[in-house]
């Protein structure tokens, strides 16, 4: 069998504005008939998908944690979506057109869509979701919809997004990503604080599956929505998200046929090869437009981490190649900065580099005044992260880095947490020294990079600028890149921003992610979209 980690090319053309042909035109896409043309799929059945912990909530309205994205993707829809082959497909919108100047996008909604509680879905739900929920409380959405001047609803089935300025990253990304473009019910959220709405834990959506139960620490159950507007594309009767914290237990459960699917974020690196060659299992790898990196953010409010030489010392003290070899079985790549190497033309390798060099790290710590004390300890730092994240790879990486930092006199205290506690502690309370997790650097820098590194995004929000990093020159370059319509000039601006950010080093970019999933043979249709979190259309069991 071909290795699931065979070399792959850069992000497909969808990331390079391939939809210019839609500008000024009207497009009515047919139903995704290709989905129904898959190998004969039987109607009915249950899919049991393993996840590693309880999600903090079951919506993306207030955060972009992967557990919330993966579960809510079956409950809520986006206006449009991008399938696994990077082709644009309709969803809540059956047709759309973009004005010739790119400043307006009009969506024509599917008729007769209802929320799970029977309330009719209308254009007002779209307007409210984008302006009053997503843009305000989701950091990715805040960047994606930053230039939206107005959202008009001339009738119940039409929505018009008007931009105040040209936006090179707006269409189709702003409407297709399940991590920030889901549509929520206005009648459930209006008049409440979306962050504290109790329906975040038992959601009402328009999606193909409806929330049934959540047994904490055990399972989340969703059942088929009989009134789904694309019901003919849904084969499964039920989805069970089975919570299995131990990576080896997830592998064994799949091998035994007790579960059917392990998503990329719950698949331990050590499980990939055995499952790829298993008798009843297989591994599928694909490229996601999120282009994720595992990033270790540094709290620049910390008196020592606020010193640039100390941050440089940390980078020289950590052997990222060894971390990838030991924690990921070699399945990863050391990044050079905040934009992945497979995202041209934005990426540049012309940045400062921090090779593994413990002696250099010690010298920098000496220069910064962190002299060895009792037992050779210079300082103690806390590293927080989700305990089970990345199939256990983050825990393994943390343990390796603890030993590497110990060698230069830094006592690294590991603080594994459940997802809800980690997000609250790090991103809401800013109670951390170092914190790490997976964050997208794509599909476009305006959406995924600017939100993390600009001064204006120093906010108590998940996936915002948790470091407290502020460099006016970086702000200026990123803002100009976000607005520049000339592709060459735009790429140059982001490259210049990378050079300054990597010199400042407010974060250490640990590894570029791969996205393998494991399935039980006989299950077809996964991944169901480019983000691996789209509704399970065309997913089911072969006859």
Protein backbone atom coordinates (compact mmCIF):
# COMPACT_ATOMS: atom_id res chain seq x y z
CA UNK A 1 0.00 0.00 0.00
CA UNK A 2 1.25 3.49 -0.79
CA UNK A 3 2.34 5.39 2.31
CA UNK A 4 -0.42 7.70 3.55
CA UNK A 5 2.24 10.37 3.82
CA UNK A 6 3.43 10.44 0.24
CA UNK A 7 4.65 13.92 -0.79
CA UNK A 8 1.88 16.23 -1.88
CA UNK A 9 1.85 19.46 -3.78
CA UNK A 10 0.74 22.87 -2.54
CA UNK A 11 -2.81 23.94 -1.93
CA UNK A 12 -4.95 23.37 -5.05
CA UNK A 13 -5.93 26.25 -7.27
CA UNK A 14 -8.97 27.09 -5.17
CA UNK A 15 -6.61 28.97 -2.92
CA UNK A 16 -5.53 31.20 -5.78
CA UNK A 17 -8.84 32.90 -6.59
CA UNK A 18 -10.08 30.38 -9.20
CA UNK A 19 -13.60 31.73 -8.91
CA UNK A 20 -12.96 34.95 -10.79
CA UNK A 21 -15.07 33.42 -13.53
CA UNK A 22 -18.06 33.85 -11.26
CA UNK A 23 -17.59 37.59 -10.93
CA UNK A 24 -20.53 39.36 -12.50
CA UNK A 25 -22.20 36.09 -13.44
CA UNK A 26 -24.99 34.01 -12.06
CA UNK A 27 -24.38 30.42 -11.21
CA UNK A 28 -26.99 27.82 -10.41
CA UNK A 29 -25.18 24.64 -9.53
CA UNK A 30 -26.90 21.29 -9.95
CA UNK A 31 -27.28 18.89 -7.10
CA UNK A 32 -24.05 17.13 -6.22
CA UNK A 33 -24.94 14.10 -8.25
CA UNK A 34 -21.38 12.83 -8.05
CA UNK A 35 -21.99 12.07 -4.41
CA UNK A 36 -24.84 9.73 -5.28
CA UNK A 37 -22.69 8.05 -7.95
CA UNK A 38 -20.32 6.61 -5.34
CA UNK A 39 -20.15 2.81 -4.97
CA UNK A 40 -23.58 1.45 -4.13
CA UNK A 41 -24.38 2.68 -0.63
CA UNK A 42 -27.11 1.19 1.47
CA UNK A 43 -29.65 3.37 3.21
CA UNK A 44 -29.50 3.46 6.98
CA UNK A 45 -26.93 2.40 9.50
CA UNK A 46 -24.83 4.06 12.17
CA UNK A 47 -21.39 5.63 11.94
CA UNK A 48 -19.37 5.58 15.17
CA UNK A 49 -16.63 8.20 15.12
CA UNK A 50 -14.00 8.32 17.85
CA UNK A 51 -13.07 11.64 19.43
CA UNK A 52 -10.60 12.17 22.23
CA UNK A 53 -12.51 14.36 24.69
CA UNK A 54 -15.69 16.25 25.41
CA UNK A 55 -16.08 19.33 23.20
CA UNK A 56 -16.34 22.60 25.14
CA UNK A 57 -19.64 23.20 23.27
CA UNK A 58 -21.36 21.98 20.09
CA UNK A 59 -21.27 25.20 18.05
CA UNK A 60 -18.59 27.29 16.34
CA UNK A 61 -20.39 30.52 17.22
CA UNK A 62 -18.01 31.22 20.08
CA UNK A 63 -14.81 29.40 19.14
CA UNK A 64 -12.96 27.30 16.62
CA UNK A 65 -11.82 24.33 18.68
CA UNK A 66 -11.64 21.22 16.50
CA UNK A 67 -13.99 19.16 18.67
CA UNK A 68 -16.69 21.81 18.32
CA UNK A 69 -16.06 22.05 14.57
CA UNK A 70 -16.19 18.29 14.01
CA UNK A 71 -19.42 17.76 15.92
CA UNK A 72 -21.28 20.92 14.90
CA UNK A 73 -20.51 20.24 11.23
CA UNK A 74 -23.32 17.68 11.20
CA UNK A 75 -25.83 19.97 12.92
CA UNK A 76 -25.32 23.22 11.01
CA UNK A 77 -24.88 24.19 7.37
CA UNK A 78 -22.87 26.86 5.58
CA UNK A 79 -24.15 28.85 2.60
CA UNK A 80 -21.81 27.03 0.22
CA UNK A 81 -19.18 24.36 0.68
CA UNK A 82 -16.01 23.00 -0.88
CA UNK A 83 -15.98 19.28 -1.46
CA UNK A 84 -13.08 16.88 -1.00
CA UNK A 85 -11.96 17.58 -4.59
CA UNK A 86 -11.88 21.34 -3.94
CA UNK A 87 -14.97 21.98 -6.04
CA UNK A 88 -17.52 24.57 -4.97
CA UNK A 89 -20.95 23.14 -4.12
CA UNK A 90 -24.28 24.64 -3.01
CA UNK A 91 -25.62 24.19 0.50
CA UNK A 92 -28.07 26.61 2.14
CA UNK A 93 -27.56 28.76 -0.95
CA UNK A 94 -28.66 27.13 -4.20
CA UNK A 95 -27.26 29.92 -6.42
CA UNK A 96 -25.16 33.07 -6.11
CA UNK A 97 -23.54 35.84 -8.10
CA UNK A 98 -20.72 38.26 -7.45
CA UNK A 99 -20.72 41.80 -8.82
CA UNK A 100 -18.18 42.83 -11.43
CA UNK A 101 -16.33 45.03 -8.94
CA UNK A 102 -16.28 42.26 -6.33
CA UNK A 103 -18.01 44.45 -3.73
CA UNK A 104 -21.28 42.52 -3.56
CA UNK A 105 -22.16 38.84 -3.33
CA UNK A 106 -25.79 37.79 -3.62
CA UNK A 107 -27.03 34.41 -2.38
CA UNK A 108 -30.33 32.80 -3.34
CA UNK A 109 -31.35 30.47 -0.56
CA UNK A 110 -32.84 27.01 -0.74
CA UNK A 111 -36.62 27.18 -0.29
CA UNK A 112 -38.53 25.31 2.40
CA UNK A 113 -35.58 24.79 4.76
CA UNK A 114 -36.58 24.47 8.41
CA UNK A 115 -34.63 24.43 11.64
CA UNK A 116 -34.68 21.24 13.68
CA UNK A 117 -37.49 22.66 15.85
CA UNK A 118 -39.66 23.29 12.77
CA UNK A 119 -39.11 27.06 12.53
CA UNK A 120 -38.64 28.25 8.92
CA UNK A 121 -35.12 29.25 7.91
CA UNK A 122 -34.90 32.71 6.29
CA UNK A 123 -32.41 35.28 5.12
CA UNK A 124 -32.70 36.98 8.52
CA UNK A 125 -31.00 33.97 10.10
CA UNK A 126 -28.08 34.49 7.72
CA UNK A 127 -27.80 38.21 8.40
CA UNK A 128 -28.01 37.73 12.16
CA UNK A 129 -25.48 34.88 12.17
CA UNK A 130 -22.83 36.73 10.24
CA UNK A 131 -23.18 40.15 11.86
CA UNK A 132 -24.32 39.45 15.41
CA UNK A 133 -22.65 36.11 16.18
CA UNK A 134 -19.84 35.02 13.89
CA UNK A 135 -18.16 38.38 13.33
CA UNK A 136 -18.35 39.33 17.00
CA UNK A 137 -17.35 36.12 18.74
CA UNK A 138 -15.37 33.98 16.28
CA UNK A 139 -11.87 35.34 15.60
CA UNK A 140 -11.64 33.74 12.15
CA UNK A 141 -15.00 35.21 11.18
CA UNK A 142 -13.96 38.58 12.58
CA UNK A 143 -11.18 38.66 10.00
CA UNK A 144 -13.19 37.16 7.16
CA UNK A 145 -16.06 39.64 7.51
CA UNK A 146 -14.01 42.65 8.54
CA UNK A 147 -14.80 44.56 5.35
CA UNK A 148 -18.51 43.73 5.26
CA UNK A 149 -20.32 47.08 5.30
CA UNK A 150 -23.86 45.72 5.18
CA UNK A 151 -25.90 42.54 4.84
CA UNK A 152 -29.20 43.13 3.07
CA UNK A 153 -32.23 40.84 3.07
CA UNK A 154 -34.59 42.10 0.34
CA UNK A 155 -36.76 39.01 0.85
CA UNK A 156 -36.78 35.80 2.86
CA UNK A 157 -34.81 33.89 0.24
CA UNK A 158 -32.17 36.46 -0.75
CA UNK A 159 -29.09 37.76 1.07
CA UNK A 160 -26.70 40.40 -0.26
CA UNK A 161 -23.28 40.95 1.33
CA UNK A 162 -21.83 44.38 0.55
CA UNK A 163 -18.18 45.20 1.12
CA UNK A 164 -16.83 48.59 2.03
CA UNK A 165 -13.56 47.83 0.23
CA UNK A 166 -12.21 45.18 -2.13
CA UNK A 167 -11.24 41.99 -0.32
CA UNK A 168 -8.95 39.50 -2.10
CA UNK A 169 -9.79 36.71 0.37
CA UNK A 170 -13.55 37.11 0.62
CA UNK A 171 -15.14 34.72 -1.87
CA UNK A 172 -15.57 31.77 -1.53
CA UNK A 173 -13.68 31.29 1.72
CA UNK A 174 -15.86 33.56 3.85
CA UNK A 175 -18.94 31.43 3.20
CA UNK A 176 -17.67 27.86 2.91
CA UNK A 177 -15.66 27.10 6.03
CA UNK A 178 -17.48 25.15 8.77
CA UNK A 179 -15.16 26.53 11.44
CA UNK A 180 -16.50 30.07 11.10
CA UNK A 181 -19.25 30.32 8.44
CA UNK A 182 -22.03 28.20 9.92
CA UNK A 183 -25.52 29.71 10.02
CA UNK A 184 -27.34 29.79 13.35
CA UNK A 185 -31.02 30.27 14.30
CA UNK A 186 -31.84 33.89 15.07
CA UNK A 187 -34.88 32.88 17.11
CA UNK A 188 -32.66 30.87 19.47
CA UNK A 189 -29.84 33.38 19.91
CA UNK A 190 -31.46 36.80 19.63
CA UNK A 191 -31.52 38.64 22.94
CA UNK A 192 -28.88 36.39 24.54
CA UNK A 193 -25.13 36.36 24.95
CA UNK A 194 -24.16 33.68 22.38
CA UNK A 195 -21.22 32.66 24.54
CA UNK A 196 -23.53 31.60 27.35
CA UNK A 197 -26.61 30.40 25.50
CA UNK A 198 -27.65 26.98 26.88
CA UNK A 199 -28.44 25.81 23.34
CA UNK A 200 -24.70 25.67 22.68
CA UNK A 201 -24.90 22.27 24.39
CA UNK A 202 -28.05 20.96 22.65
CA UNK A 203 -28.09 22.87 19.36
CA UNK A 204 -30.89 23.54 16.92
CA UNK A 205 -29.54 23.57 13.37
CA UNK A 206 -30.59 22.97 9.78
CA UNK A 207 -28.13 20.13 9.23
CA UNK A 208 -28.72 16.52 8.21
CA UNK A 209 -28.50 15.27 11.78
CA UNK A 210 -30.25 16.43 14.95
CA UNK A 211 -28.87 16.47 18.47
CA UNK A 212 -30.16 13.52 20.51
CA UNK A 213 -28.02 13.19 23.66
CA UNK A 214 -24.66 13.99 25.21
CA UNK A 215 -23.41 11.65 27.89
CA UNK A 216 -20.34 13.45 29.19
CA UNK A 217 -17.20 11.38 28.93
CA UNK A 218 -18.99 8.72 26.89
CA UNK A 219 -20.79 9.77 23.70
CA UNK A 220 -22.65 12.37 21.69
CA UNK A 221 -25.51 10.97 19.62
CA UNK A 222 -27.13 12.59 16.58
CA UNK A 223 -30.03 11.18 14.56
CA UNK A 224 -31.09 11.71 10.98
CA UNK A 225 -33.10 14.86 10.24
CA UNK A 226 -36.12 13.62 8.23
CA UNK A 227 -36.79 17.14 6.92
CA UNK A 228 -33.28 17.88 5.67
CA UNK A 229 -33.42 19.82 2.41
CA UNK A 230 -30.90 17.48 0.75
CA UNK A 231 -32.27 14.32 2.34
CA UNK A 232 -31.56 12.22 -0.75
CA UNK A 233 -27.83 12.70 -0.19
CA UNK A 234 -27.89 11.41 3.39
CA UNK A 235 -27.56 7.67 3.87
CA UNK A 236 -26.84 7.26 7.57
CA UNK A 237 -29.54 7.12 10.25
CA UNK A 238 -27.30 7.94 13.17
CA UNK A 239 -23.89 9.31 14.12
CA UNK A 240 -22.26 8.51 17.45
CA UNK A 241 -19.23 10.49 18.55
CA UNK A 242 -17.62 8.02 20.92
CA UNK A 243 -15.29 9.63 23.47
CA UNK A 244 -12.16 7.49 23.84
CA UNK A 245 -9.32 9.44 25.53
CA UNK A 246 -6.57 6.84 25.08
CA UNK A 247 -4.97 6.77 21.58
CA UNK A 248 -4.13 3.07 21.66
CA UNK A 249 -7.69 2.29 22.73
CA UNK A 250 -9.01 4.14 19.69
CA UNK A 251 -6.77 2.11 17.41
CA UNK A 252 -7.82 -1.16 19.02
CA UNK A 253 -11.50 -0.21 18.83
CA UNK A 254 -11.20 0.43 15.08
CA UNK A 255 -9.31 -2.80 14.50
CA UNK A 256 -12.02 -4.71 16.37
CA UNK A 257 -14.83 -3.00 14.47
CA UNK A 258 -16.19 -1.32 17.61
CA UNK A 259 -15.85 2.08 15.95
CA UNK A 260 -15.81 3.07 12.29
CA UNK A 261 -13.75 6.23 11.96
CA UNK A 262 -10.89 8.07 13.64
CA UNK A 263 -10.53 11.67 12.40
CA UNK A 264 -7.12 13.23 11.87
CA UNK A 265 -7.12 15.12 15.17
CA UNK A 266 -7.70 11.92 17.17
CA UNK A 267 -5.47 9.60 15.15
CA UNK A 268 -2.22 8.91 16.98
CA UNK A 269 0.86 9.05 14.74
CA UNK A 270 1.87 5.62 16.00
CA UNK A 271 -1.47 4.22 14.79
CA UNK A 272 -1.16 5.37 11.19
CA UNK A 273 1.04 2.64 9.76
CA UNK A 274 -0.70 -0.30 11.54
CA UNK A 275 -4.12 0.92 10.44
CA UNK A 276 -2.92 1.66 6.90
CA UNK A 277 -1.93 -1.99 6.56
CA UNK A 278 -4.70 -3.49 8.66
CA UNK A 279 -6.91 -6.30 7.41
CA UNK A 280 -10.14 -4.37 7.97
CA UNK A 281 -8.91 -0.78 8.16
CA UNK A 282 -7.42 1.83 5.86
CA UNK A 283 -5.89 5.30 6.11
CA UNK A 284 -6.75 8.22 3.84
CA UNK A 285 -4.67 11.40 3.70
CA UNK A 286 -5.75 14.68 2.16
CA UNK A 287 -4.81 18.32 2.17
CA UNK A 288 -7.02 20.75 4.10
CA UNK A 289 -7.18 24.43 3.15
CA UNK A 290 -6.75 25.26 6.83
CA UNK A 291 -3.05 24.34 6.40
CA UNK A 292 -2.60 23.83 10.11
CA UNK A 293 0.50 24.21 12.21
CA UNK A 294 1.12 23.23 15.80
CA UNK A 295 2.12 26.52 17.39
CA UNK A 296 3.54 27.28 20.83
CA UNK A 297 2.48 30.79 21.79
CA UNK A 298 4.52 32.77 24.30
CA UNK A 299 2.86 35.14 26.76
CA UNK A 300 4.81 38.36 26.16
CA UNK A 301 3.32 39.81 29.36
CA UNK A 302 5.61 37.44 31.26
CA UNK A 303 8.66 39.43 32.45
CA UNK A 304 11.12 36.96 30.95
CA UNK A 305 9.22 35.95 27.83
CA UNK A 306 8.88 39.64 27.02
CA UNK A 307 12.64 39.59 26.32
CA UNK A 308 13.30 38.69 22.70
CA UNK A 309 16.61 36.94 23.48
CA UNK A 310 14.80 34.59 25.85
CA UNK A 311 12.34 33.67 23.11
CA UNK A 312 15.21 33.07 20.71
CA UNK A 313 16.88 30.88 23.34
CA UNK A 314 13.76 28.73 23.63
CA UNK A 315 13.79 28.21 19.88
CA UNK A 316 17.44 27.16 19.85
CA UNK A 317 16.89 24.85 22.83
CA UNK A 318 14.11 22.83 21.18
CA UNK A 319 15.07 20.26 18.57
CA UNK A 320 11.93 20.34 16.45
CA UNK A 321 13.25 17.71 14.05
CA UNK A 322 13.60 15.31 16.97
CA UNK A 323 10.16 16.24 18.29
CA UNK A 324 8.66 15.34 14.91
CA UNK A 325 10.65 12.11 14.73
CA UNK A 326 9.66 10.92 18.20
CA UNK A 327 6.20 12.42 18.74
CA UNK A 328 4.87 12.03 15.18
CA UNK A 329 6.86 9.07 13.87
CA UNK A 330 8.47 11.51 11.46
CA UNK A 331 5.17 12.53 9.87
CA UNK A 332 5.55 16.30 9.91
CA UNK A 333 7.72 19.16 8.78
CA UNK A 334 9.46 21.93 10.70
CA UNK A 335 7.89 25.29 9.75
CA UNK A 336 9.88 28.43 9.18
CA UNK A 337 7.13 30.76 10.38
CA UNK A 338 3.43 31.61 10.50
CA UNK A 339 2.64 30.62 6.88
CA UNK A 340 3.13 27.04 5.74
CA UNK A 341 5.62 26.06 3.10
CA UNK A 342 2.88 24.59 0.89
CA UNK A 343 0.99 27.87 0.62
CA UNK A 344 2.71 29.80 -2.18
CA UNK A 345 2.89 32.57 -3.18
CA UNK A 346 2.49 33.88 0.37
CA UNK A 347 5.19 31.71 1.94
CA UNK A 348 8.85 32.68 2.12
CA UNK A 349 11.84 30.79 3.51
CA UNK A 350 13.81 34.03 3.61
CA UNK A 351 13.36 34.51 7.36
CA UNK A 352 15.61 34.12 10.42
CA UNK A 353 16.20 30.49 11.34
CA UNK A 354 16.69 28.93 14.76
CA UNK A 355 18.53 25.62 14.42
CA UNK A 356 18.87 23.37 17.44
CA UNK A 357 21.83 24.77 19.36
CA UNK A 358 21.76 24.35 23.17
CA UNK A 359 25.01 26.27 23.61
CA UNK A 360 23.60 29.23 21.73
CA UNK A 361 20.47 28.99 23.87
CA UNK A 362 22.53 29.11 27.06
CA UNK A 363 24.50 32.11 25.83
CA UNK A 364 21.30 34.00 24.99
CA UNK A 365 19.86 33.23 28.41
CA UNK A 366 23.05 34.48 30.02
CA UNK A 367 22.86 37.70 28.01
CA UNK A 368 19.25 38.17 29.11
CA UNK A 369 20.27 37.90 32.76
CA UNK A 370 18.83 34.42 33.38
CA UNK A 371 21.87 32.92 35.12
CA UNK A 372 21.77 29.35 36.43
CA UNK A 373 20.68 29.06 40.04
CA UNK A 374 20.26 26.13 42.40
CA UNK A 375 20.48 22.88 40.50
CA UNK A 376 21.27 24.81 37.30
CA UNK A 377 17.69 26.12 36.98
CA UNK A 378 17.40 29.55 35.40
CA UNK A 379 13.61 29.89 35.37
CA UNK A 380 10.39 27.87 35.46
CA UNK A 381 7.74 28.14 32.75
CA UNK A 382 4.28 26.60 32.45
CA UNK A 383 3.17 24.97 29.19
CA UNK A 384 -0.59 24.43 28.83
CA UNK A 385 -2.32 22.38 26.13
CA UNK A 386 -5.20 20.00 25.55
CA UNK A 387 -4.34 16.70 27.17
CA UNK A 388 -5.45 14.41 24.35
CA UNK A 389 -4.96 16.72 21.36
CA UNK A 390 -3.49 15.51 18.06
CA UNK A 391 -3.90 11.87 18.97
CA UNK A 392 -1.58 12.34 21.94
CA UNK A 393 1.18 13.94 19.88
CA UNK A 394 1.06 17.20 21.82
CA UNK A 395 1.56 15.37 25.11
CA UNK A 396 4.51 13.48 23.67
CA UNK A 397 5.97 16.68 22.22
CA UNK A 398 5.58 18.47 25.55
CA UNK A 399 7.49 15.72 27.35
CA UNK A 400 10.31 15.83 24.80
CA UNK A 401 10.54 19.63 24.99
CA UNK A 402 10.59 19.48 28.80
CA UNK A 403 13.77 17.40 28.66
CA UNK A 404 15.35 19.60 26.00
CA UNK A 405 14.66 22.80 27.94
CA UNK A 406 15.91 21.21 31.15
CA UNK A 407 19.30 20.84 29.44
CA UNK A 408 19.60 24.65 29.19
CA UNK A 409 18.26 25.37 32.67
CA UNK A 410 14.56 25.92 32.00
CA UNK A 411 12.16 23.97 34.21
CA UNK A 412 9.12 23.34 32.01
CA UNK A 413 5.97 22.55 33.98
CA UNK A 414 3.46 20.60 31.87
CA UNK A 415 -0.20 21.52 32.29
CA UNK A 416 -2.42 19.18 30.23
CA UNK A 417 -6.09 20.21 30.44
CA UNK A 418 -9.49 19.30 29.08
CA UNK A 419 -10.48 21.47 26.07
CA UNK A 420 -12.88 23.78 27.91
CA UNK A 421 -10.47 24.47 30.78
CA UNK A 422 -7.56 25.05 28.41
CA UNK A 423 -9.45 27.53 26.23
CA UNK A 424 -10.68 29.41 29.28
CA UNK A 425 -7.30 29.53 30.97
CA UNK A 426 -5.18 30.48 27.96
CA UNK A 427 -7.40 32.49 25.63
CA UNK A 428 -9.97 34.04 27.93
CA UNK A 429 -8.02 34.53 31.18
CA UNK A 430 -4.51 34.79 29.65
CA UNK A 431 -3.31 32.62 32.53
CA UNK A 432 -0.37 30.88 30.87
CA UNK A 433 3.32 31.23 30.13
CA UNK A 434 3.47 29.02 27.05
CA UNK A 435 0.52 27.36 25.37
CA UNK A 436 0.28 25.20 22.28
CA UNK A 437 -2.30 23.81 19.93
CA UNK A 438 -3.27 23.45 16.29
CA UNK A 439 -4.10 26.61 14.36
CA UNK A 440 -4.82 27.12 10.68
CA UNK A 441 -2.55 29.34 8.62
CA UNK A 442 -4.87 29.14 5.60
CA UNK A 443 -6.71 29.20 3.34
CA UNK A 444 -5.65 32.83 3.12
CA UNK A 445 -3.38 34.93 5.38
CA UNK A 446 -6.05 37.59 5.81
CA UNK A 447 -8.39 35.08 7.41
CA UNK A 448 -6.00 32.88 9.37
CA UNK A 449 -2.79 34.81 10.05
CA UNK A 450 -3.76 38.41 10.68
CA UNK A 451 -6.22 37.42 13.42
CA UNK A 452 -3.40 35.92 15.52
CA UNK A 453 -0.63 38.51 15.23
CA UNK A 454 -2.06 42.04 14.96
CA UNK A 455 -2.39 44.45 17.85
CA UNK A 456 -6.10 45.04 17.29
CA UNK A 457 -6.75 41.34 17.89
CA UNK A 458 -5.35 41.25 21.41
CA UNK A 459 -8.71 40.11 22.73
CA UNK A 460 -10.07 37.64 25.24
CA UNK A 461 -11.29 35.40 22.41
CA UNK A 462 -10.25 31.93 21.31
CA UNK A 463 -7.78 31.98 18.40
CA UNK A 464 -7.12 35.70 18.77
CA UNK A 465 -3.76 37.32 19.64
CA UNK A 466 -3.26 35.51 22.95
CA UNK A 467 0.43 36.48 23.12
CA UNK A 468 -0.15 40.20 23.52
CA UNK A 469 2.21 40.64 20.57
CA UNK A 470 2.32 44.14 19.10
CA UNK A 471 4.58 45.39 16.34
CA UNK A 472 3.26 48.41 14.39
CA UNK A 473 5.33 47.48 11.34
CA UNK A 474 3.81 43.99 11.29
CA UNK A 475 0.34 45.47 11.74
CA UNK A 476 0.90 47.77 8.77
CA UNK A 477 2.24 45.03 6.49
CA UNK A 478 -0.54 42.59 7.34
CA UNK A 479 -3.26 45.21 6.93
CA UNK A 480 -1.85 46.25 3.56
CA UNK A 481 -1.61 42.62 2.48
CA UNK A 482 -5.18 42.01 3.56
CA UNK A 483 -6.39 44.78 1.25
CA UNK A 484 -3.99 44.52 -1.70
CA UNK A 485 -5.67 43.21 -4.85
CA UNK A 486 -2.48 42.82 -6.92
CA UNK A 487 -1.32 39.21 -6.25
CA UNK A 488 2.41 39.91 -6.57
CA UNK A 489 2.38 42.97 -4.32
CA UNK A 490 0.15 41.15 -1.86
CA UNK A 491 2.50 38.17 -1.60
CA UNK A 492 5.46 40.49 -1.04
CA UNK A 493 3.71 42.25 1.84
CA UNK A 494 3.00 38.98 3.62
CA UNK A 495 6.56 37.83 3.05
CA UNK A 496 7.90 41.02 4.62
CA UNK A 497 5.54 40.53 7.56
CA UNK A 498 6.82 36.98 8.05
CA UNK A 499 10.40 38.21 8.19
CA UNK A 500 9.60 40.62 11.01
CA UNK A 501 7.40 38.17 12.92
CA UNK A 502 10.01 35.42 12.81
CA UNK A 503 12.64 37.89 13.99
CA UNK A 504 10.42 38.90 16.91
CA UNK A 505 9.42 35.26 17.57
CA UNK A 506 6.28 35.75 19.68
CA UNK A 507 5.55 32.08 18.98
CA UNK A 508 7.47 28.97 18.04
CA UNK A 509 6.02 27.14 15.06
CA UNK A 510 6.58 23.49 15.96
CA UNK A 511 5.37 21.44 12.98
CA UNK A 512 3.29 21.55 9.83
CA UNK A 513 0.38 19.15 10.14
CA UNK A 514 -0.72 16.25 7.99
CA UNK A 515 -4.33 15.12 7.89
CA UNK A 516 -4.68 11.32 7.80
CA UNK A 517 -7.97 9.72 8.77
CA UNK A 518 -8.60 6.06 9.52
CA UNK A 519 -11.76 4.17 8.59
CA UNK A 520 -13.19 0.69 8.73
CA UNK A 521 -13.35 -0.90 5.30
CA UNK A 522 -16.79 -0.67 3.76
CA UNK A 523 -17.30 2.92 4.87
CA UNK A 524 -17.20 5.30 1.91
CA UNK A 525 -17.47 9.04 1.33
CA UNK A 526 -14.91 10.33 3.84
CA UNK A 527 -13.63 12.95 4.06
CA UNK A 528 -16.91 14.54 3.06
CA UNK A 529 -15.37 17.94 2.35
CA UNK A 530 -12.07 19.75 2.12
CA UNK A 531 -12.13 20.71 5.80
CA UNK A 532 -13.08 17.19 7.00
CA UNK A 533 -15.93 18.78 8.97
CA UNK A 534 -18.62 19.21 6.34
CA UNK A 535 -21.98 17.44 6.57
CA UNK A 536 -21.81 13.71 5.87
CA UNK A 537 -23.43 13.78 2.44
CA UNK A 538 -22.69 10.65 0.42
CA UNK A 539 -21.22 8.92 3.47
CA UNK A 540 -22.37 5.42 4.30
CA UNK A 541 -21.81 1.70 4.08
CA UNK A 542 -21.39 -0.17 0.84
CA UNK A 543 -24.04 -2.72 -0.03
